[in-house]
Amino acid sequence: MSRSKSKKRELRSSERVTEASSEIKPRASKKQNKKKSSSRGFFSKPANRRNAIIAAVVLLLLAASVRNIVKLELENRRLRNKQKELIEQRKELQIELKNVNSKEYIEEQARKQLRLVDPDEILFVFPNEKEKDNAKNK
């Protein structure tokens, strides 16, 4: 009987082990642990934070560089147009410079700017629109 009692005890102890193991929650696998850590967020790990900060800084620098390039290109176009205008004006002034010493040019400028006339001419001065507006406001 002692043997049968010891077998029963052994069976009971093995049954206890299986019951105990079934009652204990199985440990989470590594995949489940990864899922839990990823549910915390991308920025939970310091390396991810650092990489995200570096990426943000690089993107900001890139955006600023592109903005400056576009701004400089627009300024360059504006200056090219201004340069063309100045070249045309320079050509006109060079032509005028050639004519400065001619008698006709001197007479024309004296009539326009100084309002000089020949002795047998009469000068009629008409008020321009600005002078008319000033006279009306007074």
N, C-alpha and C. Protein backbone atom coordinates (compact mmCIF):
# COMPACT_ATOMS: atom_id res chain seq x y z
N MET A 1 0.79 -1.18 0.00
CA MET A 1 0.00 0.00 0.00
C MET A 1 0.84 1.25 0.00
N SER A 2 1.90 1.09 0.53
CA SER A 2 2.77 2.26 0.57
C SER A 2 3.17 2.68 -0.83
N ARG A 3 3.32 1.66 -1.68
CA ARG A 3 3.67 2.01 -3.05
C ARG A 3 2.51 2.68 -3.75
N SER A 4 1.36 2.23 -3.58
CA SER A 4 0.21 2.83 -4.24
C SER A 4 -0.04 4.24 -3.72
N LYS A 5 0.20 4.41 -2.40
CA LYS A 5 0.04 5.74 -1.85
C LYS A 5 1.10 6.68 -2.41
N SER A 6 2.30 6.20 -2.55
CA SER A 6 3.36 7.05 -3.10
C SER A 6 3.10 7.37 -4.57
N LYS A 7 2.53 6.43 -5.33
CA LYS A 7 2.19 6.71 -6.72
C LYS A 7 1.09 7.76 -6.80
N LYS A 8 0.13 7.64 -5.91
CA LYS A 8 -0.94 8.64 -5.91
C LYS A 8 -0.38 10.01 -5.57
N ARG A 9 0.52 10.00 -4.62
CA ARG A 9 1.15 11.27 -4.25
C ARG A 9 1.93 11.84 -5.43
N GLU A 10 2.65 10.98 -6.16
CA GLU A 10 3.41 11.43 -7.32
C GLU A 10 2.47 11.98 -8.40
N LEU A 11 1.38 11.27 -8.60
CA LEU A 11 0.42 11.73 -9.58
C LEU A 11 -0.17 13.08 -9.16
N ARG A 12 -0.47 13.11 -7.89
CA ARG A 12 -1.03 14.37 -7.41
C ARG A 12 -0.04 15.52 -7.55
N SER A 13 1.20 15.26 -7.27
CA SER A 13 2.20 16.32 -7.39
C SER A 13 2.41 16.70 -8.85
N SER A 14 2.37 15.75 -9.77
CA SER A 14 2.50 16.08 -11.19
C SER A 14 1.27 16.81 -11.69
N GLU A 15 0.12 16.44 -11.18
CA GLU A 15 -1.10 17.15 -11.55
C GLU A 15 -1.04 18.60 -11.05
N ARG A 16 -0.48 18.74 -9.87
CA ARG A 16 -0.35 20.09 -9.32
C ARG A 16 0.55 20.95 -10.23
N VAL A 17 1.61 20.35 -10.72
CA VAL A 17 2.54 21.09 -11.58
C VAL A 17 1.84 21.52 -12.86
N THR A 18 1.08 20.60 -13.46
CA THR A 18 0.38 20.96 -14.70
C THR A 18 -0.71 21.98 -14.43
N GLU A 19 -1.40 21.85 -13.33
CA GLU A 19 -2.43 22.82 -12.99
C GLU A 19 -1.79 24.18 -12.69
N ALA A 20 -0.70 24.16 -11.99
CA ALA A 20 -0.03 25.41 -11.64
C ALA A 20 0.52 26.09 -12.90
N SER A 21 1.06 25.31 -13.81
CA SER A 21 1.60 25.91 -15.03
C SER A 21 0.49 26.46 -15.91
N SER A 22 -0.68 25.83 -15.88
CA SER A 22 -1.78 26.34 -16.69
C SER A 22 -2.38 27.58 -16.04
N GLU A 23 -2.31 27.69 -14.73
CA GLU A 23 -2.84 28.88 -14.06
C GLU A 23 -1.92 30.09 -14.24
N ILE A 24 -0.63 29.84 -14.32
CA ILE A 24 0.33 30.92 -14.50
C ILE A 24 0.22 31.43 -15.93
N LYS A 25 0.20 32.75 -16.06
CA LYS A 25 0.12 33.33 -17.40
C LYS A 25 1.43 33.08 -18.13
N PRO A 26 1.33 32.71 -19.36
CA PRO A 26 2.57 32.48 -20.11
C PRO A 26 3.30 33.81 -20.29
N ARG A 27 4.60 33.72 -20.26
CA ARG A 27 5.42 34.91 -20.45
C ARG A 27 5.25 35.43 -21.87
N ALA A 28 5.30 36.74 -21.97
CA ALA A 28 5.17 37.35 -23.29
C ALA A 28 6.44 37.10 -24.08
N SER A 29 6.24 36.84 -25.35
CA SER A 29 7.40 36.60 -26.21
C SER A 29 8.07 37.93 -26.54
N LYS A 30 9.21 37.85 -27.17
CA LYS A 30 9.94 39.06 -27.53
C LYS A 30 9.15 39.92 -28.51
N LYS A 31 8.41 39.29 -29.41
CA LYS A 31 7.61 40.03 -30.36
C LYS A 31 6.54 40.85 -29.65
N GLN A 32 5.92 40.25 -28.64
CA GLN A 32 4.91 40.98 -27.89
C GLN A 32 5.54 42.13 -27.12
N ASN A 33 6.74 41.93 -26.60
CA ASN A 33 7.43 43.00 -25.91
C ASN A 33 7.73 44.15 -26.86
N LYS A 34 8.12 43.83 -28.09
CA LYS A 34 8.39 44.86 -29.08
C LYS A 34 7.13 45.64 -29.41
N LYS A 35 6.01 44.92 -29.48
CA LYS A 35 4.75 45.59 -29.77
C LYS A 35 4.42 46.59 -28.66
N LYS A 36 4.66 46.20 -27.43
CA LYS A 36 4.38 47.10 -26.32
C LYS A 36 5.29 48.33 -26.38
N SER A 37 6.54 48.13 -26.69
CA SER A 37 7.46 49.27 -26.74
C SER A 37 7.13 50.17 -27.92
N SER A 38 6.66 49.60 -29.04
CA SER A 38 6.31 50.44 -30.18
C SER A 38 5.01 51.18 -29.92
N SER A 39 4.18 50.66 -29.05
CA SER A 39 2.94 51.36 -28.74
C SER A 39 3.22 52.61 -27.90
N ARG A 40 4.38 52.69 -27.29
CA ARG A 40 4.73 53.88 -26.52
C ARG A 40 5.00 55.05 -27.45
N GLY A 41 5.49 54.79 -28.62
CA GLY A 41 5.73 55.86 -29.57
C GLY A 41 7.12 55.76 -30.16
N PHE A 42 7.27 56.45 -31.24
CA PHE A 42 8.54 56.43 -31.96
C PHE A 42 9.63 57.13 -31.18
N PHE A 43 9.26 58.14 -30.41
CA PHE A 43 10.24 58.96 -29.72
C PHE A 43 10.57 58.45 -28.33
N SER A 44 10.17 57.22 -28.01
CA SER A 44 10.42 56.70 -26.67
C SER A 44 11.90 56.35 -26.46
N LYS A 45 12.58 55.99 -27.54
CA LYS A 45 13.99 55.65 -27.41
C LYS A 45 14.84 56.88 -27.70
N PRO A 46 15.90 57.08 -26.95
CA PRO A 46 16.76 58.25 -27.17
C PRO A 46 17.36 58.30 -28.57
N ALA A 47 17.71 57.16 -29.13
CA ALA A 47 18.28 57.13 -30.47
C ALA A 47 17.26 57.63 -31.49
N ASN A 48 16.02 57.24 -31.34
CA ASN A 48 14.97 57.69 -32.26
C ASN A 48 14.75 59.19 -32.12
N ARG A 49 14.77 59.68 -30.89
CA ARG A 49 14.61 61.12 -30.67
C ARG A 49 15.74 61.88 -31.34
N ARG A 50 16.96 61.41 -31.13
CA ARG A 50 18.12 62.09 -31.70
C ARG A 50 18.03 62.10 -33.22
N ASN A 51 17.67 60.96 -33.81
CA ASN A 51 17.56 60.87 -35.27
C ASN A 51 16.46 61.80 -35.79
N ALA A 52 15.36 61.88 -35.06
CA ALA A 52 14.27 62.74 -35.48
C ALA A 52 14.68 64.21 -35.39
N ILE A 53 15.40 64.57 -34.35
CA ILE A 53 15.86 65.95 -34.20
C ILE A 53 16.84 66.30 -35.31
N ILE A 54 17.76 65.40 -35.59
CA ILE A 54 18.73 65.63 -36.66
C ILE A 54 18.01 65.78 -38.00
N ALA A 55 17.03 64.92 -38.25
CA ALA A 55 16.27 65.01 -39.51
C ALA A 55 15.52 66.34 -39.60
N ALA A 56 14.94 66.78 -38.48
CA ALA A 56 14.20 68.04 -38.49
C ALA A 56 15.15 69.21 -38.76
N VAL A 57 16.31 69.20 -38.14
CA VAL A 57 17.28 70.28 -38.36
C VAL A 57 17.76 70.29 -39.81
N VAL A 58 18.02 69.12 -40.36
CA VAL A 58 18.47 69.03 -41.75
C VAL A 58 17.38 69.55 -42.69
N LEU A 59 16.13 69.19 -42.42
CA LEU A 59 15.03 69.66 -43.26
C LEU A 59 14.87 71.18 -43.18
N LEU A 60 15.02 71.72 -41.97
CA LEU A 60 14.93 73.17 -41.82
C LEU A 60 16.05 73.88 -42.57
N LEU A 61 17.25 73.36 -42.47
CA LEU A 61 18.37 73.95 -43.20
C LEU A 61 18.16 73.85 -44.71
N LEU A 62 17.65 72.73 -45.16
CA LEU A 62 17.38 72.54 -46.58
C LEU A 62 16.31 73.52 -47.06
N ALA A 63 15.25 73.67 -46.28
CA ALA A 63 14.18 74.60 -46.65
C ALA A 63 14.71 76.04 -46.69
N ALA A 64 15.52 76.41 -45.71
CA ALA A 64 16.08 77.75 -45.70
C ALA A 64 17.00 77.97 -46.90
N SER A 65 17.77 76.97 -47.26
CA SER A 65 18.66 77.09 -48.41
C SER A 65 17.87 77.25 -49.71
N VAL A 66 16.83 76.47 -49.88
CA VAL A 66 16.00 76.56 -51.09
C VAL A 66 15.34 77.94 -51.15
N ARG A 67 14.85 78.42 -50.01
CA ARG A 67 14.22 79.74 -49.97
C ARG A 67 15.23 80.82 -50.38
N ASN A 68 16.43 80.73 -49.87
CA ASN A 68 17.45 81.72 -50.21
C ASN A 68 17.84 81.65 -51.69
N ILE A 69 17.91 80.46 -52.23
CA ILE A 69 18.25 80.30 -53.64
C ILE A 69 17.17 80.94 -54.52
N VAL A 70 15.91 80.69 -54.19
CA VAL A 70 14.81 81.28 -54.96
C VAL A 70 14.84 82.80 -54.84
N LYS A 71 15.06 83.28 -53.63
CA LYS A 71 15.10 84.73 -53.40
C LYS A 71 16.24 85.37 -54.20
N LEU A 72 17.40 84.74 -54.19
CA LEU A 72 18.54 85.27 -54.94
C LEU A 72 18.31 85.23 -56.44
N GLU A 73 17.64 84.19 -56.91
CA GLU A 73 17.34 84.09 -58.34
C GLU A 73 16.40 85.22 -58.78
N LEU A 74 15.39 85.51 -57.97
CA LEU A 74 14.48 86.61 -58.29
C LEU A 74 15.21 87.95 -58.28
N GLU A 75 16.08 88.14 -57.30
CA GLU A 75 16.86 89.37 -57.24
C GLU A 75 17.79 89.49 -58.45
N ASN A 76 18.36 88.37 -58.86
CA ASN A 76 19.24 88.36 -60.03
C ASN A 76 18.47 88.77 -61.30
N ARG A 77 17.28 88.26 -61.46
CA ARG A 77 16.46 88.63 -62.63
C ARG A 77 16.13 90.12 -62.62
N ARG A 78 15.78 90.63 -61.44
CA ARG A 78 15.44 92.05 -61.33
C ARG A 78 16.65 92.91 -61.68
N LEU A 79 17.81 92.50 -61.21
CA LEU A 79 19.02 93.27 -61.49
C LEU A 79 19.42 93.19 -62.97
N ARG A 80 19.17 92.04 -63.61
CA ARG A 80 19.46 91.94 -65.05
C ARG A 80 18.58 92.90 -65.84
N ASN A 81 17.30 92.98 -65.47
CA ASN A 81 16.40 93.92 -66.15
C ASN A 81 16.85 95.36 -65.93
N LYS A 82 17.23 95.66 -64.69
CA LYS A 82 17.72 97.00 -64.37
C LYS A 82 18.99 97.31 -65.16
N GLN A 83 19.86 96.31 -65.32
CA GLN A 83 21.10 96.48 -66.07
C GLN A 83 20.80 96.80 -67.53
N LYS A 84 19.82 96.11 -68.11
CA LYS A 84 19.44 96.38 -69.51
C LYS A 84 18.95 97.81 -69.67
N GLU A 85 18.13 98.26 -68.71
CA GLU A 85 17.64 99.64 -68.76
C GLU A 85 18.79 100.64 -68.67
N LEU A 86 19.72 100.37 -67.79
CA LEU A 86 20.85 101.28 -67.62
C LEU A 86 21.76 101.30 -68.85
N ILE A 87 21.91 100.17 -69.51
CA ILE A 87 22.71 100.12 -70.74
C ILE A 87 22.06 100.97 -71.83
N GLU A 88 20.72 100.87 -71.93
CA GLU A 88 20.01 101.69 -72.92
C GLU A 88 20.15 103.18 -72.59
N GLN A 89 20.03 103.50 -71.32
CA GLN A 89 20.16 104.90 -70.91
C GLN A 89 21.57 105.42 -71.19
N ARG A 90 22.55 104.56 -70.96
CA ARG A 90 23.94 104.95 -71.23
C ARG A 90 24.15 105.25 -72.72
N LYS A 91 23.57 104.41 -73.58
CA LYS A 91 23.69 104.65 -75.02
C LYS A 91 23.07 105.99 -75.40
N GLU A 92 21.90 106.28 -74.84
CA GLU A 92 21.24 107.55 -75.13
C GLU A 92 22.09 108.72 -74.65
N LEU A 93 22.68 108.58 -73.47
CA LEU A 93 23.52 109.66 -72.94
C LEU A 93 24.80 109.83 -73.76
N GLN A 94 25.34 108.75 -74.28
CA GLN A 94 26.53 108.86 -75.14
C GLN A 94 26.20 109.60 -76.43
N ILE A 95 25.03 109.31 -76.98
CA ILE A 95 24.59 110.03 -78.18
C ILE A 95 24.41 111.51 -77.86
N GLU A 96 23.79 111.79 -76.73
CA GLU A 96 23.57 113.18 -76.32
C GLU A 96 24.91 113.89 -76.08
N LEU A 97 25.87 113.17 -75.51
CA LEU A 97 27.18 113.75 -75.26
C LEU A 97 27.87 114.17 -76.56
N LYS A 98 27.69 113.40 -77.60
CA LYS A 98 28.27 113.76 -78.90
C LYS A 98 27.66 115.05 -79.44
N ASN A 99 26.37 115.27 -79.12
CA ASN A 99 25.66 116.44 -79.65
C ASN A 99 25.78 117.68 -78.76
N VAL A 100 26.35 117.55 -77.61
CA VAL A 100 26.38 118.65 -76.65
C VAL A 100 27.07 119.89 -77.22
N ASN A 101 28.10 119.72 -77.94
CA ASN A 101 28.87 120.87 -78.44
C ASN A 101 28.29 121.47 -79.73
N SER A 102 27.25 120.89 -80.26
CA SER A 102 26.67 121.44 -81.49
C SER A 102 25.81 122.67 -81.16
N LYS A 103 25.73 123.59 -82.12
CA LYS A 103 24.99 124.83 -81.93
C LYS A 103 23.49 124.56 -81.77
N GLU A 104 22.95 123.63 -82.52
CA GLU A 104 21.53 123.30 -82.46
C GLU A 104 21.14 122.78 -81.08
N TYR A 105 21.98 121.93 -80.51
CA TYR A 105 21.69 121.35 -79.19
C TYR A 105 21.70 122.44 -78.12
N ILE A 106 22.68 123.31 -78.17
CA ILE A 106 22.77 124.38 -77.19
C ILE A 106 21.55 125.28 -77.27
N GLU A 107 21.13 125.63 -78.49
CA GLU A 107 19.95 126.49 -78.68
C GLU A 107 18.69 125.79 -78.15
N GLU A 108 18.54 124.51 -78.44
CA GLU A 108 17.37 123.75 -77.97
C GLU A 108 17.31 123.72 -76.44
N GLN A 109 18.43 123.46 -75.80
CA GLN A 109 18.45 123.40 -74.33
C GLN A 109 18.19 124.78 -73.71
N ALA A 110 18.67 125.82 -74.35
CA ALA A 110 18.43 127.17 -73.84
C ALA A 110 16.94 127.50 -73.92
N ARG A 111 16.29 127.11 -74.97
CA ARG A 111 14.85 127.35 -75.11
C ARG A 111 14.05 126.53 -74.09
N LYS A 112 14.41 125.27 -73.90
CA LYS A 112 13.65 124.39 -73.00
C LYS A 112 13.89 124.73 -71.53
N GLN A 113 15.13 124.78 -71.14
CA GLN A 113 15.44 124.89 -69.72
C GLN A 113 15.46 126.35 -69.24
N LEU A 114 16.02 127.23 -70.03
CA LEU A 114 16.18 128.61 -69.59
C LEU A 114 15.10 129.54 -70.13
N ARG A 115 14.28 129.05 -71.06
CA ARG A 115 13.20 129.82 -71.67
C ARG A 115 13.73 131.09 -72.36
N LEU A 116 14.80 130.92 -73.02
CA LEU A 116 15.37 132.04 -73.78
C LEU A 116 14.75 132.08 -75.18
N VAL A 117 14.69 133.26 -75.74
CA VAL A 117 14.12 133.43 -77.08
C VAL A 117 15.03 134.35 -77.88
N ASP A 118 14.84 134.30 -79.18
CA ASP A 118 15.54 135.24 -80.05
C ASP A 118 14.92 136.62 -79.85
N PRO A 119 15.65 137.69 -80.25
CA PRO A 119 15.11 139.04 -80.04
C PRO A 119 13.80 139.31 -80.77
N ASP A 120 13.54 138.69 -81.86
CA ASP A 120 12.31 138.96 -82.60
C ASP A 120 11.19 137.97 -82.27
N GLU A 121 11.36 137.11 -81.26
CA GLU A 121 10.35 136.12 -80.88
C GLU A 121 9.64 136.55 -79.60
N ILE A 122 8.41 136.06 -79.44
CA ILE A 122 7.63 136.30 -78.22
C ILE A 122 7.42 134.94 -77.55
N LEU A 123 7.63 134.90 -76.27
CA LEU A 123 7.50 133.66 -75.51
C LEU A 123 6.13 133.62 -74.84
N PHE A 124 5.39 132.58 -75.11
CA PHE A 124 4.12 132.35 -74.45
C PHE A 124 4.31 131.19 -73.46
N VAL A 125 3.98 131.44 -72.20
CA VAL A 125 4.13 130.40 -71.16
C VAL A 125 2.74 130.01 -70.70
N PHE A 126 2.42 128.74 -70.84
CA PHE A 126 1.14 128.21 -70.41
C PHE A 126 1.37 127.38 -69.14
N PRO A 127 0.51 127.56 -68.17
CA PRO A 127 0.69 126.77 -66.94
C PRO A 127 0.40 125.29 -67.22
N ASN A 128 1.22 124.48 -66.66
CA ASN A 128 0.95 123.05 -66.84
C ASN A 128 -0.03 122.59 -65.76
N GLU A 129 -0.41 121.36 -65.77
CA GLU A 129 -1.47 120.85 -64.90
C GLU A 129 -1.13 120.99 -63.42
N LYS A 130 0.11 120.80 -63.04
CA LYS A 130 0.51 120.92 -61.64
C LYS A 130 0.31 122.35 -61.15
N GLU A 131 0.70 123.29 -61.99
CA GLU A 131 0.54 124.70 -61.60
C GLU A 131 -0.94 125.06 -61.51
N LYS A 132 -1.77 124.52 -62.38
CA LYS A 132 -3.21 124.77 -62.34
C LYS A 132 -3.81 124.25 -61.03
N ASP A 133 -3.41 123.05 -60.64
CA ASP A 133 -3.92 122.46 -59.40
C ASP A 133 -3.49 123.29 -58.20
N ASN A 134 -2.25 123.77 -58.20
CA ASN A 134 -1.77 124.60 -57.09
C ASN A 134 -2.53 125.91 -57.02
N ALA A 135 -2.84 126.50 -58.15
CA ALA A 135 -3.58 127.77 -58.18
C ALA A 135 -5.00 127.57 -57.69
N LYS A 136 -5.63 126.48 -58.01
CA LYS A 136 -7.00 126.20 -57.56
C LYS A 136 -7.03 125.97 -56.05
N ASN A 137 -6.05 125.31 -55.49
CA ASN A 137 -6.03 125.01 -54.06
C ASN A 137 -5.77 126.24 -53.21
N LYS A 138 -5.13 127.26 -53.76
CA LYS A 138 -4.85 128.48 -53.00
C LYS A 138 -6.08 129.28 -52.91
